[in-house]
C-alpha atoms as a PDB file:
ATOM      1  CA  MET A   1       0.136   0.020   0.020  1.00  0.00           C
ATOM      2  CA  SER A   2       1.162   3.448  -0.866  1.00  0.00           C
ATOM      3  CA  GLY A   3       0.006   4.758   2.630  1.00  0.00           C
ATOM      4  CA  ASN A   4      -2.108   7.207   1.230  1.00  0.00           C
ATOM      5  CA  SER A   5      -5.770   7.453   2.615  1.00  0.00           C
ATOM      6  CA  ALA A   6      -8.873   6.363   0.644  1.00  0.00           C
ATOM      7  CA  TYR A   7      -9.921  10.036   0.161  1.00  0.00           C
ATOM      8  CA  GLU A   8      -6.295  11.053  -1.121  1.00  0.00           C
ATOM      9  CA  VAL A   9      -6.472   8.165  -3.665  1.00  0.00           C
ATOM     10  CA  ALA A  10      -9.843   9.118  -4.788  1.00  0.00           C
ATOM     11  CA  ARG A  11      -8.773  13.003  -5.179  1.00  0.00           C
ATOM     12  CA  ARG A  12      -5.872  12.058  -7.219  1.00  0.00           C
ATOM     13  CA  ALA A  13      -7.889   9.821  -9.651  1.00  0.00           C
ATOM     14  CA  ASN A  14     -10.274  12.859 -10.107  1.00  0.00           C
ATOM     15  CA  ILE A  15      -7.585  15.363 -10.879  1.00  0.00           C
ATOM     16  CA  GLU A  16      -6.313  12.810 -13.530  1.00  0.00           C
ATOM     17  CA  ARG A  17      -9.519  12.431 -15.167  1.00  0.00           C
ATOM     18  CA  ASN A  18     -10.055  16.287 -15.162  1.00  0.00           C
ATOM     19  CA  ASN A  19      -6.752  16.673 -16.856  1.00  0.00           C
ATOM     20  CA  VAL A  20      -7.619  14.111 -19.641  1.00  0.00           C
ATOM     21  CA  VAL A  21     -11.054  15.831 -20.306  1.00  0.00           C
ATOM     22  CA  MET A  22      -9.381  19.308 -20.400  1.00  0.00           C
ATOM     23  CA  ALA A  23      -6.774  18.049 -22.796  1.00  0.00           C
ATOM     24  CA  LYS A  24      -9.413  16.687 -25.202  1.00  0.00           C
ATOM     25  CA  ILE A  25     -11.300  19.957 -25.355  1.00  0.00           C
ATOM     26  CA  GLY A  26      -8.104  22.216 -25.495  1.00  0.00           C
ATOM     27  CA  VAL A  27      -8.630  24.015 -22.403  1.00  0.00           C
ATOM     28  CA  LYS A  28      -5.317  23.020 -20.851  1.00  0.00           C
ATOM     29  CA  SER A  29      -3.184  24.216 -23.829  1.00  0.00           C
ATOM     30  CA  LEU A  30      -5.252  27.599 -23.872  1.00  0.00           C
ATOM     31  CA  LYS A  31      -4.414  28.252 -20.199  1.00  0.00           C
ATOM     32  CA  SER A  32      -0.842  27.667 -20.682  1.00  0.00           C
ATOM     33  CA  GLN A  33      -0.651  29.993 -23.760  1.00  0.00           C
ATOM     34  CA  THR A  34      -2.383  32.742 -21.630  1.00  0.00           C
ATOM     35  CA  ASN A  35      -0.007  32.456 -18.709  1.00  0.00           C
ATOM     36  CA  LYS A  36       2.949  32.718 -21.102  1.00  0.00           C
ATOM     37  CA  LYS A  37       1.599  35.959 -22.688  1.00  0.00           C
ATOM     38  CA  SER A  38       0.841  37.536 -19.301  1.00  0.00           C
ATOM     39  CA  LYS A  39       4.418  36.880 -18.243  1.00  0.00           C
ATOM     40  CA  LYS A  40       5.853  38.668 -21.382  1.00  0.00           C
ATOM     41  CA  SER A  41       3.477  41.634 -20.939  1.00  0.00           C
ATOM     42  CA  SER A  42       4.480  42.026 -17.439  1.00  0.00           C
ATOM     43  CA  LYS A  43       8.208  41.961 -18.313  1.00  0.00           C
ATOM     44  CA  SER A  44       7.762  44.360 -21.064  1.00  0.00           C
ATOM     45  CA  SER A  45       5.721  46.949 -18.995  1.00  0.00           C
ATOM     46  CA  LYS A  46       8.610  47.408 -16.456  1.00  0.00           C
ATOM     47  CA  ARG A  47      10.149  50.926 -17.054  1.00  0.00           C
ATOM     48  CA  VAL A  48      13.633  50.988 -17.629  1.00  0.00           C
ATOM     49  CA  ARG A  49      15.555  54.026 -15.935  1.00  0.00           C
ATOM     50  CA  THR A  50      18.282  55.248 -18.100  1.00  0.00           C
ATOM     51  CA  SER A  51      19.760  57.950 -15.988  1.00  0.00           C
ATOM     52  CA  PRO A  52      20.782  57.547 -12.311  1.00  0.00           C
ATOM     53  CA  ILE A  53      18.538  58.669  -9.267  1.00  0.00           C
ATOM     54  CA  VAL A  54      19.528  62.221  -8.457  1.00  0.00           C
ATOM     55  CA  LYS A  55      18.422  63.592  -5.125  1.00  0.00           C
ATOM     56  CA  THR A  56      17.077  67.176  -5.356  1.00  0.00           C
ATOM     57  CA  GLN A  57      16.217  69.599  -2.452  1.00  0.00           C
ATOM     58  CA  PRO A  58      12.491  70.407  -1.962  1.00  0.00           C
ATOM     59  CA  THR A  59      11.689  74.039  -3.804  1.00  0.00           C
ATOM     60  CA  ARG A  60       9.149  75.090  -0.923  1.00  0.00           C
ATOM     61  CA  ARG A  61       9.997  75.135   2.703  1.00  0.00           C
ATOM     62  CA  SER A  62       7.882  75.992   5.776  1.00  0.00           C
ATOM     63  CA  LYS A  63       9.248  78.310   8.283  1.00  0.00           C
ATOM     64  CA  ARG A  64       7.469  76.352  10.906  1.00  0.00           C
ATOM     65  CA  THR A  65       9.408  73.964  12.809  1.00  0.00           C
ATOM     66  CA  ARG A  66       8.053  70.408  12.970  1.00  0.00           C
ATOM     67  CA  ALA A  67       6.045  69.623  15.952  1.00  0.00           C
ATOM     68  CA  GLU A  68       6.285  73.212  17.383  1.00  0.00           C
ATOM     69  CA  GLN A  69       2.998  74.685  18.374  1.00  0.00           C
ATOM     70  CA  PRO A  70       1.924  78.035  16.991  1.00  0.00           C
ATOM     71  CA  THR A  71       1.747  80.954  19.323  1.00  0.00           C
ATOM     72  CA  TYR A  72      -1.189  83.464  19.461  1.00  0.00           C
ATOM     73  CA  THR A  73      -1.081  87.134  20.353  1.00  0.00           C
ATOM     74  CA  GLY A  74      -4.693  87.250  21.321  1.00  0.00           C
ATOM     75  CA  GLU A  75      -5.601  89.477  18.464  1.00  0.00           C
ATOM     76  CA  THR A  76      -8.747  89.279  16.795  1.00  0.00           C
ATOM     77  CA  ILE A  77     -10.414  90.433  13.568  1.00  0.00           C
ATOM     78  CA  ASP A  78     -13.586  92.299  13.946  1.00  0.00           C
ATOM     79  CA  ASN A  79     -15.455  92.683  10.662  1.00  0.00           C
ATOM     80  CA  SER A  80     -18.706  93.764  11.974  1.00  0.00           C
ATOM     81  CA  MET A  81     -17.909  97.599  11.945  1.00  0.00           C
ATOM     82  CA  ASP A  82     -15.558 100.088  10.759  1.00  0.00           C
ATOM     83  CA  ILE A  83     -14.074 102.307  13.712  1.00  0.00           C
ATOM     84  CA  PRO A  84     -13.336 105.789  12.818  1.00  0.00           C
ATOM     85  CA  ASP A  85      -9.559 106.410  13.063  1.00  0.00           C
ATOM     86  CA  GLU A  86     -10.112 109.411  15.454  1.00  0.00           C
ATOM     87  CA  LEU A  87     -11.250 107.122  18.088  1.00  0.00           C
ATOM     88  CA  THR A  88      -8.766 105.543  20.402  1.00  0.00           C
ATOM     89  CA  THR A  89      -8.937 102.061  21.668  1.00  0.00           C
ATOM     90  CA  ASP A  90      -9.852 103.184  25.170  1.00  0.00           C
ATOM     91  CA  GLU A  91     -12.627 105.348  23.871  1.00  0.00           C
ATOM     92  CA  ILE A  92     -13.983 102.381  21.907  1.00  0.00           C
ATOM     93  CA  ARG A  93     -13.815  99.896  24.839  1.00  0.00           C
ATOM     94  CA  HIS A  94     -15.523 102.690  26.985  1.00  0.00           C
ATOM     95  CA  LYS A  95     -18.507 103.029  24.486  1.00  0.00           C
ATOM     96  CA  LYS A  96     -19.012  99.308  24.433  1.00  0.00           C
ATOM     97  CA  ILE A  97     -18.907  98.618  28.073  1.00  0.00           C
ATOM     98  CA  HIS A  98     -20.946 101.774  29.033  1.00  0.00           C
ATOM     99  CA  LYS A  99     -23.648 100.542  26.496  1.00  0.00           C
ATOM    100  CA  LYS A 100     -23.835  96.961  27.994  1.00  0.00           C
ATOM    101  CA  LYS A 101     -23.441  97.711  31.664  1.00  0.00           C
ATOM    102  CA  MET A 102     -25.630 100.618  32.492  1.00  0.00           C
ATOM    103  CA  THR A 103     -27.239 100.650  35.868  1.00  0.00           C
ATOM    104  CA  GLU A 104     -30.890 101.320  36.892  1.00  0.00           C
ATOM    105  CA  ALA A 105     -30.422 104.939  37.628  1.00  0.00           C
ATOM    106  CA  GLU A 106     -28.385 105.480  34.557  1.00  0.00           C
ATOM    107  CA  THR A 107     -30.895 104.004  32.354  1.00  0.00           C
ATOM    108  CA  ILE A 108     -33.792 105.993  33.958  1.00  0.00           C
ATOM    109  CA  ALA A 109     -31.711 109.162  33.915  1.00  0.00           C
ATOM    110  CA  LYS A 110     -30.726 108.500  30.116  1.00  0.00           C
ATOM    111  CA  SER A 111     -34.493 108.155  29.257  1.00  0.00           C
ATOM    112  CA  GLN A 112     -35.399 111.423  31.127  1.00  0.00           C
ATOM    113  CA  LEU A 113     -32.638 113.500  29.510  1.00  0.00           C
ATOM    114  CA  TRP A 114     -33.604 112.312  26.127  1.00  0.00           C
ATOM    115  CA  LEU A 115     -37.280 113.143  26.836  1.00  0.00           C
ATOM    116  CA  GLU A 116     -36.469 116.807  28.121  1.00  0.00           C
ATOM    117  CA  ALA A 117     -33.947 117.278  25.172  1.00  0.00           C
ATOM    118  CA  ASN A 118     -36.579 116.392  22.434  1.00  0.00           C
ATOM    119  CA  LYS A 119     -39.480 117.704  24.211  1.00  0.00           C
ATOM    120  CA  ILE A 120     -39.989 120.858  22.061  1.00  0.00           C
ATOM    121  CA  THR A 121     -39.318 118.898  18.907  1.00  0.00           C
ATOM    122  CA  LEU A 122     -41.648 116.219  19.825  1.00  0.00           C
ATOM    123  CA  GLN A 123     -44.375 118.701  20.857  1.00  0.00           C
ATOM    124  CA  ASN A 124     -44.205 120.475  17.373  1.00  0.00           C
ATOM    125  CA  LYS A 125     -45.247 117.040  15.723  1.00  0.00           C
ATOM    126  CA  TYR A 126     -48.697 117.818  17.188  1.00  0.00           C
ATOM    127  CA  ILE A 127     -50.184 121.124  15.754  1.00  0.00           C
ATOM    128  CA  LYS A 128     -53.026 122.994  17.860  1.00  0.00           C
ATOM    129  CA  VAL A 129     -52.591 120.800  20.899  1.00  0.00           C
ATOM    130  CA  GLU A 130     -53.888 122.634  23.888  1.00  0.00           C
ATOM    131  CA  GLN A 131     -51.900 122.278  27.090  1.00  0.00           C
ATOM    132  CA  GLY A 132     -53.477 119.804  29.809  1.00  0.00           C
ATOM    133  CA  ASN A 133     -53.225 116.183  30.107  1.00  0.00           C
ATOM    134  CA  ASP A 134     -56.672 115.584  28.709  1.00  0.00           C
ATOM    135  CA  GLN A 135     -55.543 116.718  25.350  1.00  0.00           C
ATOM    136  CA  TRP A 136     -52.442 114.411  25.352  1.00  0.00           C
ATOM    137  CA  HIS A 137     -54.697 111.571  26.609  1.00  0.00           C
ATOM    138  CA  GLN A 138     -57.187 112.138  23.435  1.00  0.00           C
ATOM    139  CA  ILE A 139     -53.753 112.151  21.300  1.00  0.00           C
ATOM    140  CA  ALA A 140     -52.659 108.641  22.787  1.00  0.00           C
ATOM    141  CA  ILE A 141     -56.069 107.365  22.113  1.00  0.00           C
ATOM    142  CA  ARG A 142     -56.319 108.515  18.628  1.00  0.00           C
ATOM    143  CA  LYS A 143     -52.901 107.064  17.696  1.00  0.00           C
ATOM    144  CA  TRP A 144     -52.582 103.855  19.592  1.00  0.00           C
ATOM    145  CA  GLY A 145     -56.299 102.961  20.674  1.00  0.00           C
ATOM    146  CA  ASN A 146     -58.371 102.440  23.641  1.00  0.00           C
ATOM    147  CA  HIS A 147     -56.020 100.250  25.277  1.00  0.00           C
ATOM    148  CA  VAL A 148     -53.728 103.096  26.474  1.00  0.00           C
ATOM    149  CA  HIS A 149     -55.878 102.729  29.576  1.00  0.00           C
ATOM    150  CA  LEU A 150     -53.767  99.902  30.513  1.00  0.00           C
ATOM    151  CA  ALA A 151     -51.170 102.322  31.559  1.00  0.00           C
ATOM    152  CA  ALA A 152     -53.562 103.916  34.205  1.00  0.00           C
ATOM    153  CA  ALA A 153     -54.516 100.455  35.547  1.00  0.00           C
ATOM    154  CA  ALA A 154     -50.724  99.201  35.644  1.00  0.00           C
ATOM    155  CA  SER A 155     -49.534 102.587  37.535  1.00  0.00           C
ATOM    156  CA  GLU A 156     -50.063 103.404  41.132  1.00  0.00           C
ATOM    157  CA  SER A 157     -49.940 107.167  40.366  1.00  0.00           C
ATOM    158  CA  LYS A 158     -51.692 109.480  37.908  1.00  0.00           C
ATOM    159  CA  ILE A 159     -50.473 109.115  34.394  1.00  0.00           C
ATOM    160  CA  ASP A 160     -48.832 112.080  32.883  1.00  0.00           C
ATOM    161  CA  TRP A 161     -50.189 111.595  29.251  1.00  0.00           C
ATOM    162  CA  GLU A 162     -47.886 114.235  27.804  1.00  0.00           C
ATOM    163  CA  LYS A 163     -44.894 112.125  28.861  1.00  0.00           C
ATOM    164  CA  TYR A 164     -46.756 108.966  27.692  1.00  0.00           C
ATOM    165  CA  VAL A 165     -47.107 110.284  24.155  1.00  0.00           C
ATOM    166  CA  LEU A 166     -43.814 111.789  23.919  1.00  0.00           C
ATOM    167  CA  SER A 167     -41.850 108.933  25.083  1.00  0.00           C
ATOM    168  CA  ARG A 168     -43.545 106.807  22.393  1.00  0.00           C
ATOM    169  CA  THR A 169     -42.753 109.431  19.732  1.00  0.00           C
ATOM    170  CA  SER A 170     -39.987 108.584  17.364  1.00  0.00           C
ATOM    171  CA  ASN A 171     -37.301 111.110  16.274  1.00  0.00           C
ATOM    172  CA  PRO A 172     -35.916 109.337  13.214  1.00  0.00           C
ATOM    173  CA  SER A 173     -33.243 110.643  10.935  1.00  0.00           C
ATOM    174  CA  ASN A 174     -34.434 113.262   8.343  1.00  0.00           C
ATOM    175  CA  GLU A 175     -32.244 112.100   5.650  1.00  0.00           C
ATOM    176  CA  ILE A 176     -33.844 111.991   2.209  1.00  0.00           C
ATOM    177  CA  GLU A 177     -31.543 109.302   0.932  1.00  0.00           C
ATOM    178  CA  LYS A 178     -32.217 105.832   2.161  1.00  0.00           C
ATOM    179  CA  PHE A 179     -29.441 103.318   3.235  1.00  0.00           C
ATOM    180  CA  PRO A 180     -31.612 101.196   2.756  1.00  0.00           C
ATOM    181  CA  LEU A 181     -32.609  99.068   5.872  1.00  0.00           C
ATOM    182  CA  LEU A 182     -36.057  97.631   6.430  1.00  0.00           C
ATOM    183  CA  GLN A 183     -36.135  99.397   9.808  1.00  0.00           C
ATOM    184  CA  GLU A 184     -36.237 102.808   7.790  1.00  0.00           C
ATOM    185  CA  GLU A 185     -39.901 101.889   6.780  1.00  0.00           C
ATOM    186  CA  TYR A 186     -41.115 101.720  10.394  1.00  0.00           C
ATOM    187  CA  GLN A 187     -39.041 104.400  11.951  1.00  0.00           C
ATOM    188  CA  HIS A 188     -41.893 106.808  12.205  1.00  0.00           C
ATOM    189  CA  CYS A 189     -43.844 104.380  14.641  1.00  0.00           C
ATOM    190  CA  THR A 190     -42.110 103.114  17.781  1.00  0.00           C
ATOM    191  CA  TRP A 191     -44.536  99.992  17.999  1.00  0.00           C
ATOM    192  CA  ARG A 192     -44.219  99.082  14.223  1.00  0.00           C
ATOM    193  CA  LEU A 193     -40.277  99.330  14.436  1.00  0.00           C
ATOM    194  CA  LEU A 194     -40.027  97.110  17.496  1.00  0.00           C
ATOM    195  CA  ILE A 195     -42.701  94.577  15.980  1.00  0.00           C
ATOM    196  CA  ALA A 196     -40.651  94.609  12.805  1.00  0.00           C
ATOM    197  CA  CYS A 197     -37.535  93.743  14.701  1.00  0.00           C
ATOM    198  CA  VAL A 198     -39.092  90.767  16.358  1.00  0.00           C
ATOM    199  CA  LEU A 199     -40.520  89.572  13.015  1.00  0.00           C
ATOM    200  CA  MET A 200     -37.299  90.002  10.905  1.00  0.00           C
ATOM    201  CA  SER A 201     -35.008  88.293  13.505  1.00  0.00           C
ATOM    202  CA  ARG A 202     -33.182  85.242  12.204  1.00  0.00           C
ATOM    203  CA  VAL A 203     -34.903  85.351   8.694  1.00  0.00           C
ATOM    204  CA  SER A 204     -32.429  85.865   5.644  1.00  0.00           C
ATOM    205  CA  SER A 205     -34.888  86.422   2.826  1.00  0.00           C
ATOM    206  CA  ALA A 206     -35.942  90.213   2.455  1.00  0.00           C
ATOM    207  CA  ASN A 207     -38.929  89.222   0.293  1.00  0.00           C
ATOM    208  CA  THR A 208     -40.164  86.933   3.042  1.00  0.00           C
ATOM    209  CA  LYS A 209     -39.778  89.368   5.913  1.00  0.00           C
ATOM    210  CA  THR A 210     -41.271  92.303   3.920  1.00  0.00           C
ATOM    211  CA  ILE A 211     -44.468  90.283   2.950  1.00  0.00           C
ATOM    212  CA  ALA A 212     -45.123  89.070   6.451  1.00  0.00           C
ATOM    213  CA  ILE A 213     -44.490  92.368   8.228  1.00  0.00           C
ATOM    214  CA  ASN A 214     -46.718  94.171   5.745  1.00  0.00           C
ATOM    215  CA  GLY A 215     -49.275  91.679   6.040  1.00  0.00           C
ATOM    216  CA  PHE A 216     -49.189  91.840   9.813  1.00  0.00           C
ATOM    217  CA  PHE A 217     -49.578  95.756   9.850  1.00  0.00           C
ATOM    218  CA  ARG A 218     -52.503  95.455   7.234  1.00  0.00           C
ATOM    219  CA  LYS A 219     -54.433  93.269   9.632  1.00  0.00           C
ATOM    220  CA  TYR A 220     -53.414  94.957  13.023  1.00  0.00           C
ATOM    221  CA  PRO A 221     -52.848  98.727  12.082  1.00  0.00           C
ATOM    222  CA  THR A 222     -52.691  99.728  15.778  1.00  0.00           C
ATOM    223  CA  PRO A 223     -51.568  98.085  19.122  1.00  0.00           C
ATOM    224  CA  SER A 224     -54.908  98.055  20.508  1.00  0.00           C
ATOM    225  CA  LEU A 225     -56.468  96.333  17.612  1.00  0.00           C
ATOM    226  CA  ALA A 226     -53.414  93.860  17.555  1.00  0.00           C
ATOM    227  CA  LEU A 227     -53.877  93.114  21.286  1.00  0.00           C
ATOM    228  CA  ASP A 228     -57.593  92.396  21.099  1.00  0.00           C
ATOM    229  CA  SER A 229     -57.182  90.060  18.024  1.00  0.00           C
ATOM    230  CA  LEU A 230     -54.076  88.293  19.096  1.00  0.00           C
ATOM    231  CA  LEU A 231     -55.289  87.378  22.667  1.00  0.00           C
ATOM    232  CA  SER A 232     -58.553  86.283  21.298  1.00  0.00           C
ATOM    233  CA  ASP A 233     -57.406  84.050  18.346  1.00  0.00           C
ATOM    234  CA  PRO A 234     -53.901  83.608  17.265  1.00  0.00           C
ATOM    235  CA  THR A 235     -54.992  81.785  13.933  1.00  0.00           C
ATOM    236  CA  ASP A 236     -54.971  84.805  11.640  1.00  0.00           C
ATOM    237  CA  ALA A 237     -51.343  85.636  12.994  1.00  0.00           C
ATOM    238  CA  PHE A 238     -50.261  82.207  12.346  1.00  0.00           C
ATOM    239  CA  GLU A 239     -51.297  82.416   8.752  1.00  0.00           C
ATOM    240  CA  ILE A 240     -49.414  85.784   8.200  1.00  0.00           C
ATOM    241  CA  LEU A 241     -46.287  84.728  10.032  1.00  0.00           C
ATOM    242  CA  LYS A 242     -45.758  81.027   9.469  1.00  0.00           C
ATOM    243  CA  SER A 243     -43.315  81.717   6.553  1.00  0.00           C
ATOM    244  CA  LEU A 244     -40.984  83.231   8.986  1.00  0.00           C
ATOM    245  CA  GLY A 245     -40.883  80.219  11.396  1.00  0.00           C
ATOM    246  CA  LEU A 246     -40.512  80.174  15.199  1.00  0.00           C
ATOM    247  CA  PHE A 247     -43.921  81.019  15.313  1.00  0.00           C
ATOM    248  CA  GLU A 248     -44.529  80.486  19.137  1.00  0.00           C
ATOM    249  CA  THR A 249     -41.490  82.648  20.068  1.00  0.00           C
ATOM    250  CA  ARG A 250     -42.444  85.615  17.533  1.00  0.00           C
ATOM    251  CA  PHE A 251     -46.093  85.571  18.771  1.00  0.00           C
ATOM    252  CA  LYS A 252     -45.162  85.790  22.399  1.00  0.00           C
ATOM    253  CA  GLY A 253     -42.576  88.582  21.465  1.00  0.00           C
ATOM    254  CA  VAL A 254     -45.269  90.457  19.439  1.00  0.00           C
ATOM    255  CA  VAL A 255     -47.842  90.318  22.540  1.00  0.00           C
ATOM    256  CA  GLU A 256     -45.290  91.228  24.991  1.00  0.00           C
ATOM    257  CA  VAL A 257     -43.950  94.205  23.058  1.00  0.00           C
ATOM    258  CA  THR A 258     -47.702  95.380  22.377  1.00  0.00           C
ATOM    259  CA  LYS A 259     -48.411  95.057  26.155  1.00  0.00           C
ATOM    260  CA  ALA A 260     -45.286  96.954  27.110  1.00  0.00           C
ATOM    261  CA  PHE A 261     -46.013  99.689  24.545  1.00  0.00           C
ATOM    262  CA  LEU A 262     -49.665 100.305  25.788  1.00  0.00           C
ATOM    263  CA  SER A 263     -49.121  99.829  29.636  1.00  0.00           C
ATOM    264  CA  ASN A 264     -45.822 101.535  30.497  1.00  0.00           C
ATOM    265  CA  PRO A 265     -46.344 105.040  31.811  1.00  0.00           C
ATOM    266  CA  ILE A 266     -43.063 105.944  30.229  1.00  0.00           C
ATOM    267  CA  PHE A 267     -41.812 103.931  27.375  1.00  0.00           C
ATOM    268  CA  ASP A 268     -38.432 102.869  26.872  1.00  0.00           C
ATOM    269  CA  CYS A 269     -36.527  99.739  25.618  1.00  0.00           C
ATOM    270  CA  GLY A 270     -33.374  98.299  26.878  1.00  0.00           C
ATOM    271  CA  LEU A 271     -31.606  95.113  28.240  1.00  0.00           C
ATOM    272  CA  ASP A 272     -31.964  95.570  31.876  1.00  0.00           C
ATOM    273  CA  LYS A 273     -34.274  92.992  33.203  1.00  0.00           C
ATOM    274  CA  LYS A 274     -35.274  95.229  36.132  1.00  0.00           C
ATOM    275  CA  VAL A 275     -36.030  98.255  34.121  1.00  0.00           C
ATOM    276  CA  ASN A 276     -36.813  98.160  30.393  1.00  0.00           C
ATOM    277  CA  LYS A 277     -36.172  94.650  29.192  1.00  0.00           C
ATOM    278  CA  ILE A 278     -39.155  93.428  26.890  1.00  0.00           C
ATOM    279  CA  TYR A 279     -39.517  89.864  25.930  1.00  0.00           C
ATOM    280  CA  GLY A 280     -38.514  89.423  22.235  1.00  0.00           C
ATOM    281  CA  ILE A 281     -36.391  92.459  22.163  1.00  0.00           C
ATOM    282  CA  GLY A 282     -32.468  91.644  22.454  1.00  0.00           C
ATOM    283  CA  ALA A 283     -29.437  93.682  21.454  1.00  0.00           C
ATOM    284  CA  PHE A 284     -30.457  94.060  17.745  1.00  0.00           C
ATOM    285  CA  GLY A 285     -33.927  95.335  18.669  1.00  0.00           C
ATOM    286  CA  VAL A 286     -32.451  97.722  21.373  1.00  0.00           C
ATOM    287  CA  ASP A 287     -29.912  98.956  18.946  1.00  0.00           C
ATOM    288  CA  SER A 288     -32.537  99.619  16.295  1.00  0.00           C
ATOM    289  CA  PHE A 289     -34.721 101.303  18.662  1.00  0.00           C
ATOM    290  CA  ASN A 290     -31.956 103.823  19.751  1.00  0.00           C
ATOM    291  CA  ILE A 291     -30.750 104.416  16.190  1.00  0.00           C
ATOM    292  CA  PHE A 292     -34.167 104.801  14.380  1.00  0.00           C
ATOM    293  CA  ILE A 293     -36.486 105.854  17.295  1.00  0.00           C
ATOM    294  CA  ARG A 294     -34.279 107.913  19.636  1.00  0.00           C
ATOM    295  CA  GLY A 295     -32.279 109.237  16.591  1.00  0.00           C
ATOM    296  CA  ASP A 296     -28.828 108.315  18.203  1.00  0.00           C
ATOM    297  CA  ALA A 297     -27.192 106.665  15.268  1.00  0.00           C
ATOM    298  CA  ARG A 298     -24.004 109.063  15.283  1.00  0.00           C
ATOM    299  CA  ASN A 299     -23.195 107.831  18.564  1.00  0.00           C
ATOM    300  CA  MET A 300     -23.963 104.033  18.106  1.00  0.00           C
ATOM    301  CA  TYR A 301     -21.423 101.288  17.580  1.00  0.00           C
ATOM    302  CA  PRO A 302     -23.741  98.178  17.325  1.00  0.00           C
ATOM    303  CA  ASP A 303     -22.559  94.700  16.880  1.00  0.00           C
ATOM    304  CA  ASP A 304     -24.805  93.804  14.018  1.00  0.00           C
ATOM    305  CA  GLN A 305     -23.002  94.382  10.849  1.00  0.00           C
ATOM    306  CA  ASN A 306     -25.923  96.029   8.943  1.00  0.00           C
ATOM    307  CA  LEU A 307     -26.734  98.449  11.684  1.00  0.00           C
ATOM    308  CA  ALA A 308     -22.816  99.109  12.082  1.00  0.00           C
ATOM    309  CA  ARG A 309     -22.698 100.019   8.388  1.00  0.00           C
ATOM    310  CA  TYR A 310     -25.758 102.284   8.748  1.00  0.00           C
ATOM    311  CA  CYS A 311     -24.316 104.147  11.663  1.00  0.00           C
ATOM    312  CA  ASN A 312     -21.080 104.612   9.792  1.00  0.00           C
ATOM    313  CA  TRP A 313     -22.920 105.956   6.778  1.00  0.00           C
ATOM    314  CA  ILE A 314     -24.962 108.553   9.049  1.00  0.00           C
ATOM    315  CA  ARG A 315     -21.540 109.885  10.393  1.00  0.00           C
ATOM    316  CA  SER A 316     -20.201 110.228   7.048  1.00  0.00           C
ATOM    317  CA  LEU A 317     -22.884 112.497   5.802  1.00  0.00           C
END
C-alpha cells in the first residue's frame, strides 16, 4: 500500500480524469498560452531607467518648525464695524462697556434726559394741541387705541399723558436718501419698529420678511387692535407669520411688545431686566430702537453688521 488514505487516492484519480478531459477539449493548452503571454507583457511593461537617480532639495520650505505649536497674540479680527480712525482703543472700549453695563439709575436718567432734550421737537409734531393732560390723553387714544388705558391700570400714580405720548414718539433721521434698511420703513412709529424687529429676526430672505411684516400691519394697524385680536385667536397671525418660522416665540414677542408699549407710563426699551427689558427684544432690537426711534445713530457702535454700516453711513453725511 502506498500509505495514502482512501480520500487522497480518490482525489488524485479525480484530478487525472479532469486533466484528460481538459486536454481533449483544448482548455489546458489555452490556459498555458495565456499564462505565457501575461508573463511576457508584465516584463515588457517594466520601465527601464536610463539615468541615475539624483536627489534634489525641495523647492518650497515651511518656516514652521516640525512639532512646534503656534503662538497666538490674542488679537482678533472684527469685521462687524468700521471704527473711525479718530477714536482711540480706550474710547471704543468705554463706549461698548458703557452701552452694555448701564445701571438702573443711569438707564432712567438717560431716558429722562432724552425726553427733556427732545420735548420741544416732539411737541411740534402735534399742531394746535392745547395744554393739559386731557388733550394728550386724546392724542394717545387716537394714535394707539383705547387700550392706552392699560397704563392707568398698571400705574399706582396718575398718568402724565404728555410724557406717555412723547416717550413713544420717534425722532428718526431726516435724511432724504435711504441706506436702505427695513427698519427705515417703520422708524416713524415706535410700536411698528419694534414689532418689525421681532418678526425679521433670524430670517435671511428680505422678500419673506417684507411680505409678512406688511401683512401683519394690514391686519393689525394699531397696538390696541393687535392686542384684542392676538389674545382672542392667534389663527390669523399664524397664517401671516408662518413663513418666518419660530411662530410661538415670535407670537409671544409680539404680544409682550404690544402690552409693554400700551401699559408702561413712560416707554423705554433696553436690556436691563429690572427696568426696561421686553421679551422678544434683544441687542438687535434695542440698537434699532436707539438708532431709528431715539435718533442716536451717530453715537452708536452696534455689533450687528448692517446696523454698524448704517451708523457709519450716518456719521459720514
